Each structure stands twice: as C-alpha cells, then as structure tokens.
Amino acid sequence: GYLGMFKMFVAGGLAGGVLYAALSPLSGTSGVP
C-alpha cells in the first residue's frame, strides 16, 4: 500500500546503510561515504 511503500523504501535503505557501515572496516571503506 501507499504508506507501506514509503516504509519499505526507508527500511531497505537503512538496512543497507547499517550493513555497509558495519562491514566497511573489513573492506577498507570505513571512510568512504
């Protein structure tokens, strides 16, 4: 639905950002936005 789509978009983005930040020290990208 309408509101669900906004929630899905933001949640997917947040999950992606969190995992990227968490694993970035392993790949040498902790300072790469």
Full PDB file with SEQRES, HELIX, SHEET, SSBOND, CRYST1, ORIGX, SCALE, CONECT and MASTER records, all heavy atoms in Angstrom:
SEQRES   1 A   33  GLY TYR LEU GLY MET PHE LYS MET PHE VAL ALA GLY GLY          
SEQRES   2 A   33  LEU ALA GLY GLY VAL LEU TYR ALA ALA LEU SER PRO LEU          
SEQRES   3 A   33  SER GLY THR SER GLY VAL PRO                                  
HELIX    1 AA1 TYR A    2  SER A   27  1                                  26    
CRYST1    1.000    1.000    1.000  90.00  90.00  90.00 P 1           1          
ORIGX1      1.000000  0.000000  0.000000        0.00000                         
ORIGX2      0.000000  1.000000  0.000000        0.00000                         
ORIGX3      0.000000  0.000000  1.000000        0.00000                         
SCALE1      1.000000  0.000000  0.000000        0.00000                         
SCALE2      0.000000  1.000000  0.000000        0.00000                         
SCALE3      0.000000  0.000000  1.000000        0.00000                         
ATOM      1  N   GLY A   1       0.795  -1.211   0.000  1.00  0.00           N  
ATOM      2  CA  GLY A   1       0.000   0.000   0.000  1.00  0.00           C  
ATOM      3  C   GLY A   1       0.835   1.271   0.000  1.00  0.00           C  
ATOM      4  O   GLY A   1       2.070   1.236  -0.093  1.00  0.00           O  
ATOM      5  N   TYR A   2       0.145   2.394   0.125  1.00  0.00           N  
ATOM      6  CA  TYR A   2       0.774   3.716  -0.013  1.00  0.00           C  
ATOM      7  C   TYR A   2       1.810   3.984   1.083  1.00  0.00           C  
ATOM      8  O   TYR A   2       2.999   4.175   0.799  1.00  0.00           O  
ATOM      9  CB  TYR A   2      -0.310   4.788   0.011  1.00  0.00           C  
ATOM     10  CG  TYR A   2       0.204   6.205  -0.183  1.00  0.00           C  
ATOM     11  CD1 TYR A   2       0.522   6.674  -1.445  1.00  0.00           C  
ATOM     12  CD2 TYR A   2       0.364   7.058   0.906  1.00  0.00           C  
ATOM     13  CE1 TYR A   2       0.990   7.968  -1.638  1.00  0.00           C  
ATOM     14  CE2 TYR A   2       0.835   8.352   0.728  1.00  0.00           C  
ATOM     15  CZ  TYR A   2       1.138   8.801  -0.533  1.00  0.00           C  
ATOM     16  OH  TYR A   2       1.605  10.082  -0.706  1.00  0.00           O  
ATOM     17  N   LEU A   3       1.381   3.989   2.337  1.00  0.00           N  
ATOM     18  CA  LEU A   3       2.323   4.247   3.423  1.00  0.00           C  
ATOM     19  C   LEU A   3       3.349   3.126   3.550  1.00  0.00           C  
ATOM     20  O   LEU A   3       4.504   3.371   3.880  1.00  0.00           O  
ATOM     21  CB  LEU A   3       1.566   4.415   4.745  1.00  0.00           C  
ATOM     22  CG  LEU A   3       0.691   5.662   4.880  1.00  0.00           C  
ATOM     23  CD1 LEU A   3      -0.037   5.670   6.218  1.00  0.00           C  
ATOM     24  CD2 LEU A   3       1.547   6.931   4.741  1.00  0.00           C  
ATOM     25  N   GLY A   4       2.908   1.911   3.281  1.00  0.00           N  
ATOM     26  CA  GLY A   4       3.821   0.784   3.357  1.00  0.00           C  
ATOM     27  C   GLY A   4       4.986   0.901   2.395  1.00  0.00           C  
ATOM     28  O   GLY A   4       6.102   0.477   2.690  1.00  0.00           O  
ATOM     29  N   MET A   5       4.744   1.491   1.224  1.00  0.00           N  
ATOM     30  CA  MET A   5       5.805   1.661   0.245  1.00  0.00           C  
ATOM     31  C   MET A   5       6.869   2.619   0.758  1.00  0.00           C  
ATOM     32  O   MET A   5       8.073   2.387   0.593  1.00  0.00           O  
ATOM     33  CB  MET A   5       5.219   2.164  -1.076  1.00  0.00           C  
ATOM     34  CG  MET A   5       6.241   2.228  -2.224  1.00  0.00           C  
ATOM     35  SD  MET A   5       6.866   0.593  -2.653  1.00  0.00           S  
ATOM     36  CE  MET A   5       8.601   0.948  -2.916  1.00  0.00           C  
ATOM     37  N   PHE A   6       6.458   3.711   1.390  1.00  0.00           N  
ATOM     38  CA  PHE A   6       7.425   4.635   1.977  1.00  0.00           C  
ATOM     39  C   PHE A   6       8.231   3.942   3.072  1.00  0.00           C  
ATOM     40  O   PHE A   6       9.458   4.089   3.165  1.00  0.00           O  
ATOM     41  CB  PHE A   6       6.709   5.861   2.557  1.00  0.00           C  
ATOM     42  CG  PHE A   6       6.204   6.822   1.524  1.00  0.00           C  
ATOM     43  CD1 PHE A   6       4.846   6.975   1.302  1.00  0.00           C  
ATOM     44  CD2 PHE A   6       7.081   7.586   0.764  1.00  0.00           C  
ATOM     45  CE1 PHE A   6       4.364   7.862   0.350  1.00  0.00           C  
ATOM     46  CE2 PHE A   6       6.619   8.477  -0.186  1.00  0.00           C  
ATOM     47  CZ  PHE A   6       5.260   8.617  -0.396  1.00  0.00           C  
ATOM     48  N   LYS A   7       7.540   3.174   3.912  1.00  0.00           N  
ATOM     49  CA  LYS A   7       8.230   2.457   4.989  1.00  0.00           C  
ATOM     50  C   LYS A   7       9.221   1.446   4.427  1.00  0.00           C  
ATOM     51  O   LYS A   7      10.336   1.284   4.929  1.00  0.00           O  
ATOM     52  CB  LYS A   7       7.208   1.756   5.883  1.00  0.00           C  
ATOM     53  CG  LYS A   7       6.285   2.694   6.638  1.00  0.00           C  
ATOM     54  CD  LYS A   7       5.216   1.904   7.382  1.00  0.00           C  
ATOM     55  CE  LYS A   7       4.193   2.811   8.039  1.00  0.00           C  
ATOM     56  NZ  LYS A   7       3.120   2.031   8.705  1.00  0.00           N  
ATOM     57  N   MET A   8       8.798   0.750   3.384  1.00  0.00           N  
ATOM     58  CA  MET A   8       9.656  -0.258   2.767  1.00  0.00           C  
ATOM     59  C   MET A   8      10.912   0.382   2.182  1.00  0.00           C  
ATOM     60  O   MET A   8      12.028  -0.129   2.334  1.00  0.00           O  
ATOM     61  CB  MET A   8       8.858  -0.981   1.678  1.00  0.00           C  
ATOM     62  CG  MET A   8       9.616  -2.098   1.001  1.00  0.00           C  
ATOM     63  SD  MET A   8       9.951  -3.465   2.116  1.00  0.00           S  
ATOM     64  CE  MET A   8      11.166  -4.337   1.144  1.00  0.00           C  
ATOM     65  N   PHE A   9      10.737   1.494   1.496  1.00  0.00           N  
ATOM     66  CA  PHE A   9      11.869   2.190   0.886  1.00  0.00           C  
ATOM     67  C   PHE A   9      12.873   2.617   1.952  1.00  0.00           C  
ATOM     68  O   PHE A   9      14.081   2.359   1.836  1.00  0.00           O  
ATOM     69  CB  PHE A   9      11.369   3.409   0.120  1.00  0.00           C  
ATOM     70  CG  PHE A   9      12.450   4.221  -0.534  1.00  0.00           C  
ATOM     71  CD1 PHE A   9      12.884   3.934  -1.818  1.00  0.00           C  
ATOM     72  CD2 PHE A   9      13.040   5.285   0.141  1.00  0.00           C  
ATOM     73  CE1 PHE A   9      13.894   4.674  -2.415  1.00  0.00           C  
ATOM     74  CE2 PHE A   9      14.049   6.038  -0.448  1.00  0.00           C  
ATOM     75  CZ  PHE A   9      14.472   5.731  -1.726  1.00  0.00           C  
ATOM     76  N   VAL A  10      12.387   3.267   2.999  1.00  0.00           N  
ATOM     77  CA  VAL A  10      13.280   3.769   4.048  1.00  0.00           C  
ATOM     78  C   VAL A  10      13.943   2.611   4.810  1.00  0.00           C  
ATOM     79  O   VAL A  10      15.142   2.644   5.080  1.00  0.00           O  
ATOM     80  CB  VAL A  10      12.516   4.686   5.018  1.00  0.00           C  
ATOM     81  CG1 VAL A  10      13.386   5.056   6.224  1.00  0.00           C  
ATOM     82  CG2 VAL A  10      12.056   5.948   4.299  1.00  0.00           C  
ATOM     83  N   ALA A  11      13.168   1.589   5.122  1.00  0.00           N  
ATOM     84  CA  ALA A  11      13.728   0.457   5.862  1.00  0.00           C  
ATOM     85  C   ALA A  11      14.805  -0.257   5.049  1.00  0.00           C  
ATOM     86  O   ALA A  11      15.855  -0.639   5.585  1.00  0.00           O  
ATOM     87  CB  ALA A  11      12.615  -0.525   6.233  1.00  0.00           C  
ATOM     88  N   GLY A  12      14.562  -0.431   3.751  1.00  0.00           N  
ATOM     89  CA  GLY A  12      15.573  -1.058   2.903  1.00  0.00           C  
ATOM     90  C   GLY A  12      16.838  -0.233   2.830  1.00  0.00           C  
ATOM     91  O   GLY A  12      17.949  -0.761   2.874  1.00  0.00           O  
ATOM     92  N   GLY A  13      16.674   1.093   2.729  1.00  0.00           N  
ATOM     93  CA  GLY A  13      17.833   1.968   2.710  1.00  0.00           C  
ATOM     94  C   GLY A  13      18.593   1.941   4.018  1.00  0.00           C  
ATOM     95  O   GLY A  13      19.835   1.896   4.037  1.00  0.00           O  
ATOM     96  N   LEU A  14      17.883   1.964   5.129  1.00  0.00           N  
ATOM     97  CA  LEU A  14      18.533   1.923   6.444  1.00  0.00           C  
ATOM     98  C   LEU A  14      19.291   0.615   6.644  1.00  0.00           C  
ATOM     99  O   LEU A  14      20.434   0.619   7.134  1.00  0.00           O  
ATOM    100  CB  LEU A  14      17.490   2.088   7.550  1.00  0.00           C  
ATOM    101  CG  LEU A  14      16.867   3.475   7.715  1.00  0.00           C  
ATOM    102  CD1 LEU A  14      15.746   3.431   8.750  1.00  0.00           C  
ATOM    103  CD2 LEU A  14      17.926   4.499   8.119  1.00  0.00           C  
ATOM    104  N   ALA A  15      18.669  -0.490   6.268  1.00  0.00           N  
ATOM    105  CA  ALA A  15      19.329  -1.787   6.407  1.00  0.00           C  
ATOM    106  C   ALA A  15      20.606  -1.849   5.574  1.00  0.00           C  
ATOM    107  O   ALA A  15      21.631  -2.360   6.022  1.00  0.00           O  
ATOM    108  CB  ALA A  15      18.377  -2.909   5.997  1.00  0.00           C  
ATOM    109  N   GLY A  16      20.531  -1.299   4.358  1.00  0.00           N  
ATOM    110  CA  GLY A  16      21.715  -1.271   3.505  1.00  0.00           C  
ATOM    111  C   GLY A  16      22.820  -0.421   4.094  1.00  0.00           C  
ATOM    112  O   GLY A  16      23.997  -0.808   4.102  1.00  0.00           O  
ATOM    113  N   GLY A  17      22.469   0.749   4.615  1.00  0.00           N  
ATOM    114  CA  GLY A  17      23.463   1.639   5.197  1.00  0.00           C  
ATOM    115  C   GLY A  17      24.117   1.050   6.431  1.00  0.00           C  
ATOM    116  O   GLY A  17      25.338   1.155   6.622  1.00  0.00           O  
ATOM    117  N   VAL A  18      23.328   0.414   7.277  1.00  0.00           N  
ATOM    118  CA  VAL A  18      23.854  -0.176   8.511  1.00  0.00           C  
ATOM    119  C   VAL A  18      24.833  -1.303   8.202  1.00  0.00           C  
ATOM    120  O   VAL A  18      25.918  -1.389   8.795  1.00  0.00           O  
ATOM    121  CB  VAL A  18      22.700  -0.687   9.400  1.00  0.00           C  
ATOM    122  CG1 VAL A  18      23.239  -1.555  10.537  1.00  0.00           C  
ATOM    123  CG2 VAL A  18      21.925   0.492   9.976  1.00  0.00           C  
ATOM    124  N   LEU A  19      24.466  -2.190   7.270  1.00  0.00           N  
ATOM    125  CA  LEU A  19      25.377  -3.297   6.932  1.00  0.00           C  
ATOM    126  C   LEU A  19      26.640  -2.774   6.266  1.00  0.00           C  
ATOM    127  O   LEU A  19      27.744  -3.279   6.527  1.00  0.00           O  
ATOM    128  CB  LEU A  19      24.671  -4.309   6.027  1.00  0.00           C  
ATOM    129  CG  LEU A  19      25.469  -5.599   5.776  1.00  0.00           C  
ATOM    130  CD1 LEU A  19      25.693  -6.347   7.090  1.00  0.00           C  
ATOM    131  CD2 LEU A  19      24.739  -6.505   4.788  1.00  0.00           C  
ATOM    132  N   TYR A  20      26.498  -1.769   5.408  1.00  0.00           N  
ATOM    133  CA  TYR A  20      27.680  -1.182   4.770  1.00  0.00           C  
ATOM    134  C   TYR A  20      28.638  -0.632   5.820  1.00  0.00           C  
ATOM    135  O   TYR A  20      29.841  -0.899   5.772  1.00  0.00           O  
ATOM    136  CB  TYR A  20      27.261  -0.074   3.814  1.00  0.00           C  
ATOM    137  CG  TYR A  20      28.430   0.713   3.244  1.00  0.00           C  
ATOM    138  CD1 TYR A  20      29.171   0.207   2.170  1.00  0.00           C  
ATOM    139  CD2 TYR A  20      28.812   1.941   3.794  1.00  0.00           C  
ATOM    140  CE1 TYR A  20      30.249   0.911   1.663  1.00  0.00           C  
ATOM    141  CE2 TYR A  20      29.888   2.644   3.289  1.00  0.00           C  
ATOM    142  CZ  TYR A  20      30.602   2.130   2.220  1.00  0.00           C  
ATOM    143  OH  TYR A  20      31.676   2.824   1.721  1.00  0.00           O  
ATOM    144  N   ALA A  21      28.117   0.131   6.771  1.00  0.00           N  
ATOM    145  CA  ALA A  21      28.963   0.722   7.804  1.00  0.00           C  
ATOM    146  C   ALA A  21      29.591  -0.359   8.684  1.00  0.00           C  
ATOM    147  O   ALA A  21      30.773  -0.277   9.038  1.00  0.00           O  
ATOM    148  CB  ALA A  21      28.153   1.694   8.656  1.00  0.00           C  
ATOM    149  N   ALA A  22      28.811  -1.380   9.012  1.00  0.00           N  
ATOM    150  CA  ALA A  22      29.310  -2.434   9.894  1.00  0.00           C  
ATOM    151  C   ALA A  22      30.458  -3.225   9.281  1.00  0.00           C  
ATOM    152  O   ALA A  22      31.407  -3.616   9.979  1.00  0.00           O  
ATOM    153  CB  ALA A  22      28.166  -3.374  10.273  1.00  0.00           C  
ATOM    154  N   LEU A  23      30.386  -3.463   7.972  1.00  0.00           N  
ATOM    155  CA  LEU A  23      31.411  -4.276   7.307  1.00  0.00           C  
ATOM    156  C   LEU A  23      32.504  -3.445   6.641  1.00  0.00           C  
ATOM    157  O   LEU A  23      33.489  -4.011   6.145  1.00  0.00           O  
ATOM    158  CB  LEU A  23      30.759  -5.180   6.263  1.00  0.00           C  
ATOM    159  CG  LEU A  23      29.749  -6.215   6.798  1.00  0.00           C  
ATOM    160  CD1 LEU A  23      29.206  -7.066   5.656  1.00  0.00           C  
ATOM    161  CD2 LEU A  23      30.399  -7.093   7.860  1.00  0.00           C  
ATOM    162  N   SER A  24      32.351  -2.132   6.624  1.00  0.00           N  
ATOM    163  CA  SER A  24      33.320  -1.290   5.923  1.00  0.00           C  
ATOM    164  C   SER A  24      34.755  -1.402   6.450  1.00  0.00           C  
ATOM    165  O   SER A  24      35.698  -1.304   5.652  1.00  0.00           O  
ATOM    166  CB  SER A  24      32.865   0.176   5.929  1.00  0.00           C  
ATOM    167  OG  SER A  24      32.742   0.672   7.249  1.00  0.00           O  
ATOM    168  N   PRO A  25      34.996  -1.615   7.754  1.00  0.00           N  
ATOM    169  CA  PRO A  25      36.388  -1.794   8.185  1.00  0.00           C  
ATOM    170  C   PRO A  25      37.062  -3.005   7.555  1.00  0.00           C  
ATOM    171  O   PRO A  25      38.287  -3.020   7.362  1.00  0.00           O  
ATOM    172  CB  PRO A  25      36.267  -1.955   9.712  1.00  0.00           C  
ATOM    173  CG  PRO A  25      35.000  -1.255  10.063  1.00  0.00           C  
ATOM    174  CD  PRO A  25      34.087  -1.546   8.922  1.00  0.00           C  
ATOM    175  N   LEU A  26      36.285  -4.027   7.230  1.00  0.00           N  
ATOM    176  CA  LEU A  26      36.848  -5.233   6.623  1.00  0.00           C  
ATOM    177  C   LEU A  26      37.270  -5.014   5.183  1.00  0.00           C  
ATOM    178  O   LEU A  26      38.150  -5.717   4.674  1.00  0.00           O  
ATOM    179  CB  LEU A  26      35.829  -6.377   6.679  1.00  0.00           C  
ATOM    180  CG  LEU A  26      35.354  -6.798   8.075  1.00  0.00           C  
ATOM    181  CD1 LEU A  26      34.318  -7.912   7.957  1.00  0.00           C  
ATOM    182  CD2 LEU A  26      36.527  -7.244   8.932  1.00  0.00           C  
ATOM    183  N   SER A  27      36.643  -4.056   4.530  1.00  0.00           N  
ATOM    184  CA  SER A  27      36.935  -3.807   3.116  1.00  0.00           C  
ATOM    185  C   SER A  27      37.734  -2.521   2.907  1.00  0.00           C  
ATOM    186  O   SER A  27      37.986  -2.127   1.771  1.00  0.00           O  
ATOM    187  CB  SER A  27      35.632  -3.741   2.312  1.00  0.00           C  
ATOM    188  OG  SER A  27      34.779  -2.725   2.826  1.00  0.00           O  
ATOM    189  N   GLY A  28      38.108  -1.867   4.001  1.00  0.00           N  
ATOM    190  CA  GLY A  28      38.884  -0.633   3.886  1.00  0.00           C  
ATOM    191  C   GLY A  28      38.101   0.549   3.391  1.00  0.00           C  
ATOM    192  O   GLY A  28      38.666   1.468   2.804  1.00  0.00           O  
ATOM    193  N   THR A  29      36.794   0.550   3.624  1.00  0.00           N  
ATOM    194  CA  THR A  29      35.955   1.648   3.123  1.00  0.00           C  
ATOM    195  C   THR A  29      35.243   2.393   4.259  1.00  0.00           C  
ATOM    196  O   THR A  29      34.225   3.031   4.026  1.00  0.00           O  
ATOM    197  CB  THR A  29      34.896   1.110   2.135  1.00  0.00           C  
ATOM    198  OG1 THR A  29      34.120   0.093   2.786  1.00  0.00           O  
ATOM    199  CG2 THR A  29      35.554   0.531   0.895  1.00  0.00           C  
ATOM    200  N   SER A  30      35.780   2.317   5.468  1.00  0.00           N  
ATOM    201  CA  SER A  30      35.095   2.953   6.599  1.00  0.00           C  
ATOM    202  C   SER A  30      35.029   4.469   6.457  1.00  0.00           C  
ATOM    203  O   SER A  30      34.185   5.111   7.078  1.00  0.00           O  
ATOM    204  CB  SER A  30      35.792   2.585   7.914  1.00  0.00           C  
ATOM    205  OG  SER A  30      37.168   2.958   7.890  1.00  0.00           O  
ATOM    206  N   GLY A  31      35.900   5.044   5.641  1.00  0.00           N  
ATOM    207  CA  GLY A  31      35.874   6.484   5.427  1.00  0.00           C  
ATOM    208  C   GLY A  31      35.274   6.877   4.093  1.00  0.00           C  
ATOM    209  O   GLY A  31      35.270   8.059   3.738  1.00  0.00           O  
ATOM    210  N   VAL A  32      34.757   5.903   3.344  1.00  0.00           N  
ATOM    211  CA  VAL A  32      34.183   6.154   2.020  1.00  0.00           C  
ATOM    212  C   VAL A  32      32.663   6.234   2.137  1.00  0.00           C  
ATOM    213  O   VAL A  32      32.019   5.238   2.489  1.00  0.00           O  
ATOM    214  CB  VAL A  32      34.567   5.052   1.020  1.00  0.00           C  
ATOM    215  CG1 VAL A  32      33.959   5.339  -0.341  1.00  0.00           C  
ATOM    216  CG2 VAL A  32      36.077   4.922   0.929  1.00  0.00           C  
ATOM    217  N   PRO A  33      32.063   7.391   1.859  1.00  0.00           N  
ATOM    218  CA  PRO A  33      30.614   7.517   2.004  1.00  0.00           C  
ATOM    219  C   PRO A  33      29.862   6.727   0.929  1.00  0.00           C  
ATOM    220  O   PRO A  33      30.279   6.680  -0.223  1.00  0.00           O  
ATOM    221  CB  PRO A  33      30.350   9.019   1.838  1.00  0.00           C  
ATOM    222  CG  PRO A  33      31.675   9.679   1.927  1.00  0.00           C  
ATOM    223  CD  PRO A  33      32.682   8.670   1.483  1.00  0.00           C  
TER     224      PRO A  33                                                      
MASTER        0    0    0    1    0    0    0    6  223    1    0    3          
END                                                                             
